[in-house]
Amino acid sequence: MRKASQSLVVIGLDGTPYSFLKKEIEAGNLPNIADLTSGGHLGRIDSEIPTISSVAWASFMTGVNPGTHGIYGFTDRKPGTYELYFPNYNDIKVKPFWDTLSSEGRRCCVINVPSTYPARALNGILVSGFVAPNLERASYPREAYEYLNSIDYRVDVDASKARESLDLLLEDLHLTLDKRRQAMLHFWENEDWDFFMCVFTGTDRLHHFMWKHYEESAFAYASEFMRYYKRIDELVGEFVNLLPDSTSLFMLSDHGFCLIKSEVYLNNFLREIGLLSFKSDNPRSIADIDPSKTKVYCMDPGRLYVNLKGREPGGIVDQSDYKKVIEEVTEAISQLKDPQSGQSIVDHIYTRVDLYEGPCADKSPDLVVSAVNGYDLKGFMDRNSSFGTTHLTGMHTFNDAFLLQSKCDINTEIKSIRQVAGSIKNIFNVNS
């Protein structure tokens, strides 16, 4: 364990909202995190657009916007095709700050940060977060894999269990948390680290499947929701007690969460208004669209692409008509209302110029729809209605992530997740 000066620990709680954390601290339910706030600073920060973990954590680790780091979602389009691929660590176009620290001789332990698969060489330890299908490729160096394999380490919970039973999900959440703690303690004690980071993604999984149990406390699993968070709080306390006096601490989330009122299936809406057509009666992906009859299609979560000539292989929209199509789809989606309540579901519709700049901006969505909290935008191709619900009860929110700074010079100017990397570099006096 590092005992010299100038060291930093970062603990990530995936999807934990600032508003939730503040409420539960004030209620006395998270005493160890509360102790950190008493001598530090707990603030609300913005996530990234689109508000999904792969994009937000990529912005966190690089300090730049998606137009520069190149990640726009868990899936993206292969250039010049209608085929999908899954962007991974190798697709992030800007090196993460821990690579800079590593190259300058700081030893880094990076555990379970999303979008870091496959693991690659580092001066220290790197254990990938989700999505990581192979533990051996998720671990660097080889000795790290051998240890993790020996303890039956879990990168993530098996979310499919939630479809069977919330009891099975809870069992898996607690088991995965046990393995995360075990690995974290091992590397904490056995590595001479300068920078140590671990992300807990179980919080995000808990929220997606059980947020209604928290917000509507009459539901049966409300106490189980908080029991998991109390375990997180106890674990935070355990590691804070191990911190050397000279070590700074950050805690943060990548986005907030709220209750889902309805999912919104934009591709069905685009089909209904004549802007999208499919070749198949059972479409599954953008490979199933009929390019000859499609002007616009959607990918998760609310990323809209114009079927543009010269960019898409079967594009039908002339460059001269691009602005007209953008205006048409913007006007149509802006009018979307919840059929039950009559509430407008759109908060804002951004153009790519509004959001992105940098060498990867040309692969960005043409439009990104931001919905009112409670309306979860989906890119499903196989829906026959534009509104509906599933087993998921919680959704991501943009402006309710948190950052807690403790045992360091407080930087209250940090207002978004992409600004955190710069502050971390400053702690280590690294500017490149």
Protein backbone atom coordinates (compact mmCIF):
# COMPACT_ATOMS: atom_id res chain seq x y z
CA MET A 1 0.00 0.00 0.00
CA ARG A 2 1.24 3.49 -0.86
CA LYS A 3 2.51 5.50 2.10
CA ALA A 4 4.28 8.37 0.33
CA SER A 5 2.84 11.82 -0.38
CA GLN A 6 0.79 12.80 -3.42
CA SER A 7 -1.59 9.87 -3.75
CA LEU A 8 -5.27 9.70 -4.63
CA VAL A 9 -8.12 7.22 -4.25
CA VAL A 10 -11.24 7.43 -6.44
CA ILE A 11 -14.38 5.43 -5.63
CA GLY A 12 -17.08 5.30 -8.28
CA LEU A 13 -20.72 4.52 -7.52
CA ASP A 14 -22.24 3.97 -10.92
CA GLY A 15 -25.53 5.84 -11.31
CA THR A 16 -25.82 7.11 -7.73
CA PRO A 17 -27.72 10.43 -7.77
CA TYR A 18 -26.57 13.49 -5.84
CA SER A 19 -30.14 14.05 -4.64
CA PHE A 20 -30.39 10.48 -3.31
CA LEU A 21 -27.02 10.66 -1.58
CA LYS A 22 -27.80 14.00 0.07
CA LYS A 23 -31.19 12.78 1.27
CA GLU A 24 -29.84 9.55 2.77
CA ILE A 25 -26.88 11.30 4.39
CA GLU A 26 -29.26 13.74 6.06
CA ALA A 27 -31.44 10.81 7.18
CA GLY A 28 -28.42 9.23 8.89
CA ASN A 29 -28.44 6.13 6.70
CA LEU A 30 -24.93 6.54 5.24
CA PRO A 31 -22.74 7.56 8.19
CA ASN A 32 -19.34 6.84 6.64
CA ILE A 33 -20.04 8.84 3.50
CA ALA A 34 -21.51 11.56 5.74
CA ASP A 35 -18.21 11.77 7.64
CA LEU A 36 -16.41 12.46 4.37
CA THR A 37 -18.77 15.30 3.51
CA SER A 38 -18.26 16.98 6.89
CA GLY A 39 -14.64 17.73 6.08
CA GLY A 40 -14.97 17.80 2.31
CA HIS A 41 -17.35 18.95 -0.40
CA LEU A 42 -20.32 17.11 -1.91
CA GLY A 43 -21.54 18.67 -5.14
CA ARG A 44 -23.85 17.96 -8.05
CA ILE A 45 -22.23 17.49 -11.46
CA ASP A 46 -23.57 16.89 -14.96
CA SER A 47 -23.13 13.63 -16.83
CA GLU A 48 -22.59 13.40 -20.59
CA ILE A 49 -24.92 13.38 -23.58
CA PRO A 50 -26.09 10.79 -24.44
CA THR A 51 -26.39 9.88 -20.76
CA ILE A 52 -25.09 6.34 -20.68
CA SER A 53 -22.21 4.84 -18.77
CA SER A 54 -19.92 4.03 -21.69
CA VAL A 55 -19.98 7.67 -22.81
CA ALA A 56 -19.81 9.23 -19.34
CA TRP A 57 -16.91 7.11 -18.08
CA ALA A 58 -15.01 7.70 -21.35
CA SER A 59 -15.41 11.44 -20.76
CA PHE A 60 -14.33 10.99 -17.13
CA MET A 61 -11.13 9.14 -17.98
CA THR A 62 -10.10 11.40 -20.88
CA GLY A 63 -11.41 14.81 -19.83
CA VAL A 64 -12.80 15.52 -23.30
CA ASN A 65 -16.18 15.40 -25.05
CA PRO A 66 -17.34 12.49 -27.25
CA GLY A 67 -16.43 14.42 -30.39
CA THR A 68 -12.82 13.97 -29.31
CA HIS A 69 -12.79 10.60 -27.52
CA GLY A 70 -15.14 8.98 -30.04
CA ILE A 71 -17.57 7.01 -27.84
CA TYR A 72 -21.30 7.66 -28.37
CA GLY A 73 -22.91 4.51 -27.00
CA PHE A 74 -22.56 0.83 -26.12
CA THR A 75 -23.12 0.10 -29.81
CA ASP A 76 -22.21 2.11 -32.89
CA ARG A 77 -22.33 1.83 -36.66
CA LYS A 78 -19.47 0.38 -38.64
CA PRO A 79 -18.49 3.23 -41.01
CA GLY A 80 -20.13 2.91 -44.41
CA THR A 81 -22.47 0.12 -43.33
CA TYR A 82 -25.67 -0.61 -41.44
CA GLU A 83 -23.82 -3.10 -39.25
CA LEU A 84 -23.25 -2.63 -35.54
CA TYR A 85 -20.16 -3.08 -33.43
CA PHE A 86 -19.43 -2.72 -29.72
CA PRO A 87 -16.87 0.02 -29.08
CA ASN A 88 -14.30 -0.93 -26.44
CA TYR A 89 -11.22 0.47 -24.72
CA ASN A 90 -9.25 0.38 -27.97
CA ASP A 91 -11.81 2.66 -29.62
CA ILE A 92 -11.28 5.50 -27.14
CA LYS A 93 -9.17 7.95 -29.15
CA VAL A 94 -7.65 9.89 -26.22
CA LYS A 95 -5.50 8.21 -23.60
CA PRO A 96 -7.01 8.13 -20.10
CA PHE A 97 -5.36 10.21 -17.40
CA TRP A 98 -4.03 7.11 -15.64
CA ASP A 99 -1.95 6.31 -18.73
CA THR A 100 -0.38 9.75 -18.34
CA LEU A 101 0.25 9.14 -14.64
CA SER A 102 1.66 5.72 -15.47
CA SER A 103 4.03 7.07 -18.12
CA GLU A 104 5.41 9.53 -15.56
CA GLY A 105 6.20 6.79 -13.09
CA ARG A 106 3.09 6.81 -10.91
CA ARG A 107 1.82 3.34 -10.10
CA CYS A 108 -1.90 2.96 -10.79
CA CYS A 109 -4.53 0.42 -9.77
CA VAL A 110 -7.67 0.79 -11.89
CA ILE A 111 -10.45 -1.66 -11.06
CA ASN A 112 -13.84 -2.12 -12.72
CA VAL A 113 -14.09 1.16 -14.63
CA PRO A 114 -16.61 0.62 -17.47
CA SER A 115 -15.34 0.70 -21.05
CA THR A 116 -11.80 -0.45 -20.18
CA TYR A 117 -12.01 -3.86 -21.89
CA PRO A 118 -9.76 -5.36 -23.09
CA ALA A 119 -7.21 -4.49 -20.41
CA ARG A 120 -3.88 -3.18 -21.62
CA ALA A 121 -0.45 -2.52 -20.17
CA LEU A 122 -0.21 -0.08 -17.28
CA ASN A 123 2.37 0.72 -14.63
CA GLY A 124 0.33 -1.18 -12.08
CA ILE A 125 -2.96 -3.11 -12.29
CA LEU A 126 -5.92 -2.78 -14.64
CA VAL A 127 -9.06 -4.87 -14.19
CA SER A 128 -11.72 -4.04 -16.77
CA GLY A 129 -15.28 -3.14 -15.93
CA PHE A 130 -18.34 -4.05 -17.96
CA VAL A 131 -18.69 -5.03 -20.73
CA ALA A 132 -15.92 -7.63 -20.19
CA PRO A 133 -16.79 -11.10 -21.52
CA ASN A 134 -13.42 -12.72 -20.79
CA LEU A 135 -11.70 -12.32 -17.41
CA GLU A 136 -8.26 -13.16 -18.78
CA ARG A 137 -8.46 -10.36 -21.35
CA ALA A 138 -9.95 -8.11 -18.66
CA SER A 139 -6.87 -8.36 -16.43
CA TYR A 140 -3.37 -6.87 -16.56
CA PRO A 141 -0.81 -8.13 -15.73
CA ARG A 142 -1.07 -11.92 -15.94
CA GLU A 143 -0.60 -12.21 -12.18
CA ALA A 144 -3.73 -10.12 -11.66
CA TYR A 145 -5.75 -12.56 -13.74
CA GLU A 146 -4.37 -15.54 -11.85
CA TYR A 147 -5.41 -14.00 -8.55
CA LEU A 148 -8.86 -12.92 -9.75
CA ASN A 149 -9.52 -16.32 -11.29
CA SER A 150 -8.55 -17.99 -8.04
CA ILE A 151 -11.24 -16.11 -6.11
CA ASP A 152 -13.92 -16.51 -8.81
CA TYR A 153 -13.99 -12.73 -9.31
CA ARG A 154 -17.14 -11.20 -10.79
CA VAL A 155 -16.89 -8.27 -13.22
CA ASP A 156 -20.64 -7.67 -13.16
CA VAL A 157 -23.91 -9.17 -12.02
CA ASP A 158 -25.96 -11.39 -14.29
CA ALA A 159 -28.79 -8.98 -15.07
CA SER A 160 -30.84 -11.75 -16.65
CA LYS A 161 -31.46 -13.07 -13.14
CA ALA A 162 -33.60 -10.00 -12.42
CA ARG A 163 -36.03 -11.17 -15.08
CA GLU A 164 -36.46 -14.38 -13.14
CA SER A 165 -36.51 -13.03 -9.60
CA LEU A 166 -35.46 -9.94 -7.67
CA ASP A 167 -34.28 -12.29 -4.92
CA LEU A 168 -31.84 -13.85 -7.37
CA LEU A 169 -30.68 -10.40 -8.43
CA LEU A 170 -30.08 -9.37 -4.83
CA GLU A 171 -28.14 -12.54 -4.11
CA ASP A 172 -25.96 -11.88 -7.16
CA LEU A 173 -25.49 -8.21 -6.23
CA HIS A 174 -24.20 -9.10 -2.77
CA LEU A 175 -21.95 -11.88 -4.07
CA THR A 176 -20.45 -9.57 -6.70
CA LEU A 177 -19.92 -6.90 -4.04
CA ASP A 178 -18.10 -9.44 -1.86
CA LYS A 179 -15.76 -10.29 -4.74
CA ARG A 180 -15.17 -6.62 -5.54
CA ARG A 181 -14.22 -5.93 -1.91
CA GLN A 182 -11.92 -8.94 -1.81
CA ALA A 183 -10.08 -7.90 -4.96
CA MET A 184 -9.92 -4.28 -3.89
CA LEU A 185 -8.35 -5.20 -0.54
CA HIS A 186 -5.86 -7.51 -2.22
CA PHE A 187 -4.53 -4.92 -4.65
CA TRP A 188 -4.74 -2.16 -2.04
CA GLU A 189 -2.43 -4.09 0.28
CA ASN A 190 -0.12 -5.66 -2.29
CA GLU A 191 0.54 -2.80 -4.71
CA ASP A 192 2.72 0.22 -3.99
CA TRP A 193 0.18 2.53 -5.63
CA ASP A 194 0.02 6.28 -6.16
CA PHE A 195 -3.43 6.23 -7.77
CA PHE A 196 -6.13 3.74 -6.81
CA MET A 197 -9.60 3.60 -8.34
CA CYS A 198 -12.50 1.18 -8.09
CA VAL A 199 -16.03 1.51 -9.51
CA PHE A 200 -19.04 -0.28 -8.03
CA THR A 201 -21.54 -0.97 -10.81
CA GLY A 202 -24.01 -2.88 -8.65
CA THR A 203 -25.61 0.43 -7.68
CA ASP A 204 -26.62 1.00 -11.31
CA ARG A 205 -28.07 -2.51 -11.58
CA LEU A 206 -29.97 -2.07 -8.32
CA HIS A 207 -31.48 1.18 -9.61
CA HIS A 208 -32.53 -0.15 -12.99
CA PHE A 209 -34.51 -3.02 -11.53
CA MET A 210 -35.55 -1.73 -8.11
CA TRP A 211 -35.81 2.07 -8.17
CA LYS A 212 -39.58 1.96 -7.71
CA HIS A 213 -39.02 0.00 -4.49
CA TYR A 214 -36.94 2.89 -3.19
CA GLU A 215 -39.18 5.74 -4.35
CA GLU A 216 -42.43 4.01 -3.49
CA SER A 217 -41.44 2.55 -0.14
CA ALA A 218 -44.59 0.44 0.17
CA PHE A 219 -43.03 -1.98 -2.29
CA ALA A 220 -41.67 -5.18 -0.79
CA TYR A 221 -37.98 -4.65 -1.55
CA ALA A 222 -37.55 -1.10 -0.22
CA SER A 223 -35.52 -2.30 2.80
CA GLU A 224 -33.36 -4.49 0.56
CA PHE A 225 -32.56 -1.48 -1.61
CA MET A 226 -31.19 0.41 1.38
CA ARG A 227 -29.49 -2.67 2.83
CA TYR A 228 -27.31 -2.79 -0.27
CA TYR A 229 -26.43 0.89 0.08
CA LYS A 230 -25.59 0.41 3.76
CA ARG A 231 -23.14 -2.28 2.73
CA ILE A 232 -21.60 0.15 0.23
CA ASP A 233 -21.34 2.74 3.01
CA GLU A 234 -19.66 0.23 5.32
CA LEU A 235 -17.18 -0.67 2.60
CA VAL A 236 -16.38 3.00 2.00
CA GLY A 237 -15.75 3.39 5.73
CA GLU A 238 -13.47 0.37 5.74
CA PHE A 239 -11.26 1.77 3.02
CA VAL A 240 -11.27 5.33 4.32
CA ASN A 241 -9.90 3.97 7.61
CA LEU A 242 -7.01 2.47 5.63
CA LEU A 243 -6.15 5.73 3.86
CA PRO A 244 -2.73 7.20 4.56
CA ASP A 245 -3.06 10.72 6.03
CA SER A 246 -1.60 12.31 2.91
CA THR A 247 -3.98 10.59 0.47
CA SER A 248 -6.77 12.55 -1.19
CA LEU A 249 -10.16 10.98 -1.91
CA PHE A 250 -12.72 11.50 -4.64
CA MET A 251 -16.06 9.74 -4.90
CA LEU A 252 -18.33 10.23 -7.89
CA SER A 253 -21.08 8.84 -10.07
CA ASP A 254 -21.42 8.96 -13.84
CA HIS A 255 -25.12 9.96 -13.93
CA GLY A 256 -28.21 10.18 -11.78
CA PHE A 257 -31.38 8.07 -11.68
CA CYS A 258 -35.12 8.50 -11.50
CA LEU A 259 -38.34 6.49 -11.74
CA ILE A 260 -39.51 5.47 -15.22
CA LYS A 261 -42.97 6.63 -16.18
CA SER A 262 -42.73 5.09 -19.62
CA GLU A 263 -40.22 3.85 -22.11
CA VAL A 264 -40.37 5.65 -25.47
CA TYR A 265 -39.66 3.71 -28.67
CA LEU A 266 -38.57 6.31 -31.17
CA ASN A 267 -38.09 3.92 -34.09
CA ASN A 268 -41.75 2.94 -33.95
CA PHE A 269 -42.68 6.62 -33.92
CA LEU A 270 -40.42 7.30 -36.91
CA ARG A 271 -42.05 4.37 -38.71
CA GLU A 272 -45.53 5.69 -37.95
CA ILE A 273 -44.78 9.11 -39.42
CA GLY A 274 -43.21 7.64 -42.55
CA LEU A 275 -39.55 8.42 -41.95
CA LEU A 276 -38.45 4.82 -41.32
CA SER A 277 -39.20 1.52 -43.00
CA PHE A 278 -37.99 -2.05 -42.45
CA LYS A 279 -37.16 -4.90 -44.81
CA SER A 280 -38.23 -7.48 -42.24
CA ASP A 281 -41.40 -8.07 -40.26
CA ASN A 282 -39.22 -8.79 -37.20
CA PRO A 283 -36.50 -6.12 -37.27
CA ARG A 284 -33.77 -6.37 -34.65
CA SER A 285 -31.18 -3.77 -35.61
CA ILE A 286 -30.40 -1.05 -38.12
CA ALA A 287 -29.28 -3.83 -40.49
CA ASP A 288 -33.02 -4.52 -40.94
CA ILE A 289 -34.01 -1.04 -42.11
CA ASP A 290 -35.07 -0.54 -45.72
CA PRO A 291 -32.60 2.14 -46.87
CA SER A 292 -34.63 2.94 -49.97
CA LYS A 293 -37.57 4.12 -47.81
CA THR A 294 -35.80 5.44 -44.69
CA LYS A 295 -34.84 9.02 -43.96
CA VAL A 296 -34.05 8.77 -40.23
CA TYR A 297 -33.38 5.97 -37.74
CA CYS A 298 -32.63 5.85 -34.02
CA MET A 299 -30.07 4.10 -31.84
CA ASP A 300 -30.02 3.97 -28.03
CA PRO A 301 -30.68 6.22 -26.24
CA GLY A 302 -32.23 8.84 -28.48
CA ARG A 303 -29.40 9.09 -31.05
CA LEU A 304 -30.90 9.98 -34.44
CA TYR A 305 -29.11 9.47 -37.74
CA VAL A 306 -30.15 10.84 -41.11
CA ASN A 307 -29.90 8.24 -43.91
CA LEU A 308 -27.57 10.50 -45.84
CA LYS A 309 -26.31 9.86 -49.36
CA GLY A 310 -22.57 9.33 -49.44
CA ARG A 311 -22.36 8.45 -45.76
CA GLU A 312 -24.83 5.59 -45.35
CA PRO A 313 -24.43 2.90 -48.03
CA GLY A 314 -28.07 3.15 -49.13
CA GLY A 315 -28.61 6.76 -48.17
CA ILE A 316 -31.51 8.54 -49.85
CA VAL A 317 -31.32 12.01 -48.29
CA ASP A 318 -29.41 14.50 -50.44
CA GLN A 319 -27.06 16.85 -48.65
CA SER A 320 -29.22 19.68 -49.96
CA ASP A 321 -32.22 18.20 -48.10
CA TYR A 322 -30.35 17.44 -44.87
CA LYS A 323 -31.44 20.59 -43.04
CA LYS A 324 -35.06 20.07 -44.14
CA VAL A 325 -35.10 16.49 -42.78
CA ILE A 326 -33.50 17.64 -39.52
CA GLU A 327 -36.22 20.27 -39.13
CA GLU A 328 -38.97 17.77 -40.01
CA VAL A 329 -37.92 15.14 -37.48
CA THR A 330 -37.19 17.74 -34.80
CA GLU A 331 -40.67 19.21 -35.18
CA ALA A 332 -42.33 15.80 -35.13
CA ILE A 333 -40.51 14.45 -32.07
CA SER A 334 -40.97 17.74 -30.22
CA GLN A 335 -44.72 17.08 -30.32
CA LEU A 336 -44.49 13.66 -28.65
CA LYS A 337 -46.75 13.43 -25.60
CA ASP A 338 -47.45 10.74 -23.03
CA PRO A 339 -50.75 9.17 -24.19
CA GLN A 340 -51.82 8.64 -20.56
CA SER A 341 -51.08 12.07 -19.08
CA GLY A 342 -50.72 14.29 -22.13
CA GLN A 343 -47.31 15.45 -20.83
CA SER A 344 -44.67 16.46 -23.36
CA ILE A 345 -41.81 14.00 -23.15
CA VAL A 346 -39.03 15.98 -24.88
CA ASP A 347 -36.79 18.29 -22.88
CA HIS A 348 -34.42 19.27 -25.68
CA ILE A 349 -33.25 18.08 -29.10
CA TYR A 350 -29.57 18.76 -29.79
CA THR A 351 -27.80 18.89 -33.13
CA ARG A 352 -24.32 17.43 -33.40
CA VAL A 353 -22.91 20.97 -33.61
CA ASP A 354 -24.57 21.82 -30.27
CA LEU A 355 -22.77 19.00 -28.48
CA TYR A 356 -19.62 17.77 -30.16
CA GLU A 357 -16.32 19.06 -31.37
CA GLY A 358 -13.11 17.30 -32.28
CA PRO A 359 -11.75 14.79 -34.78
CA CYS A 360 -14.50 12.21 -34.07
CA ALA A 361 -17.43 14.64 -34.37
CA ASP A 362 -18.14 13.47 -37.93
CA LYS A 363 -19.27 10.05 -36.58
CA SER A 364 -21.60 11.60 -34.01
CA PRO A 365 -25.41 11.36 -34.19
CA ASP A 366 -27.10 14.02 -36.29
CA LEU A 367 -29.53 14.69 -33.43
CA VAL A 368 -29.69 13.61 -29.80
CA VAL A 369 -33.06 13.71 -28.06
CA SER A 370 -33.03 14.50 -24.35
CA ALA A 371 -36.24 13.47 -22.63
CA VAL A 372 -38.01 14.81 -19.57
CA ASN A 373 -37.04 12.77 -16.52
CA GLY A 374 -39.24 9.70 -16.36
CA TYR A 375 -39.31 9.02 -20.11
CA ASP A 376 -36.66 6.49 -21.08
CA LEU A 377 -35.77 6.70 -24.75
CA LYS A 378 -35.01 3.41 -26.46
CA GLY A 379 -33.72 2.42 -29.88
CA PHE A 380 -35.58 -0.89 -30.11
CA MET A 381 -36.53 -1.82 -33.65
CA ASP A 382 -39.20 -4.42 -32.84
CA ARG A 383 -41.84 -2.40 -30.97
CA ASN A 384 -45.34 -1.92 -32.36
CA SER A 385 -46.16 1.02 -30.11
CA SER A 386 -44.26 4.14 -29.15
CA PHE A 387 -44.79 3.88 -25.37
CA GLY A 388 -44.55 0.97 -22.99
CA THR A 389 -42.97 -0.47 -19.86
CA THR A 390 -40.75 -3.45 -19.09
CA HIS A 391 -39.15 -5.00 -16.01
CA LEU A 392 -36.91 -1.92 -15.70
CA THR A 393 -38.14 0.73 -13.26
CA GLY A 394 -35.24 3.20 -13.11
CA MET A 395 -33.58 5.35 -15.80
CA HIS A 396 -30.51 7.57 -16.12
CA THR A 397 -30.64 11.34 -15.60
CA PHE A 398 -28.17 13.92 -16.89
CA ASN A 399 -27.87 16.59 -14.20
CA ASP A 400 -27.89 14.68 -10.93
CA ALA A 401 -24.53 12.90 -10.73
CA PHE A 402 -22.34 13.65 -7.70
CA LEU A 403 -18.73 14.42 -6.86
CA LEU A 404 -17.39 14.23 -3.31
CA GLN A 405 -13.91 15.64 -2.65
CA SER A 406 -12.17 14.94 0.64
CA LYS A 407 -8.68 15.40 2.10
CA CYS A 408 -7.66 17.68 -0.77
CA ASP A 409 -7.84 21.26 -1.99
CA ILE A 410 -11.52 21.53 -2.91
CA ASN A 411 -12.27 22.48 -6.51
CA THR A 412 -15.83 23.79 -6.55
CA GLU A 413 -15.48 24.74 -10.23
CA ILE A 414 -16.03 21.12 -11.28
CA LYS A 415 -19.53 21.03 -12.78
CA SER A 416 -19.35 18.05 -15.15
CA ILE A 417 -17.84 14.59 -15.20
CA ARG A 418 -15.41 15.48 -17.97
CA GLN A 419 -13.77 18.13 -15.76
CA VAL A 420 -12.70 15.61 -13.10
CA ALA A 421 -9.69 14.32 -15.08
CA GLY A 422 -8.11 17.78 -15.13
CA SER A 423 -8.47 18.11 -11.38
CA ILE A 424 -6.85 14.70 -10.85
CA LYS A 425 -3.94 15.66 -13.09
CA ASN A 426 -3.50 18.84 -11.05
CA ILE A 427 -3.21 16.81 -7.86
CA PHE A 428 -0.26 15.02 -9.44
CA ASN A 429 1.10 18.17 -11.12
CA VAL A 430 0.62 16.59 -14.54
CA ASN A 431 -0.53 18.82 -17.39
CA SER A 432 -0.13 16.69 -20.54
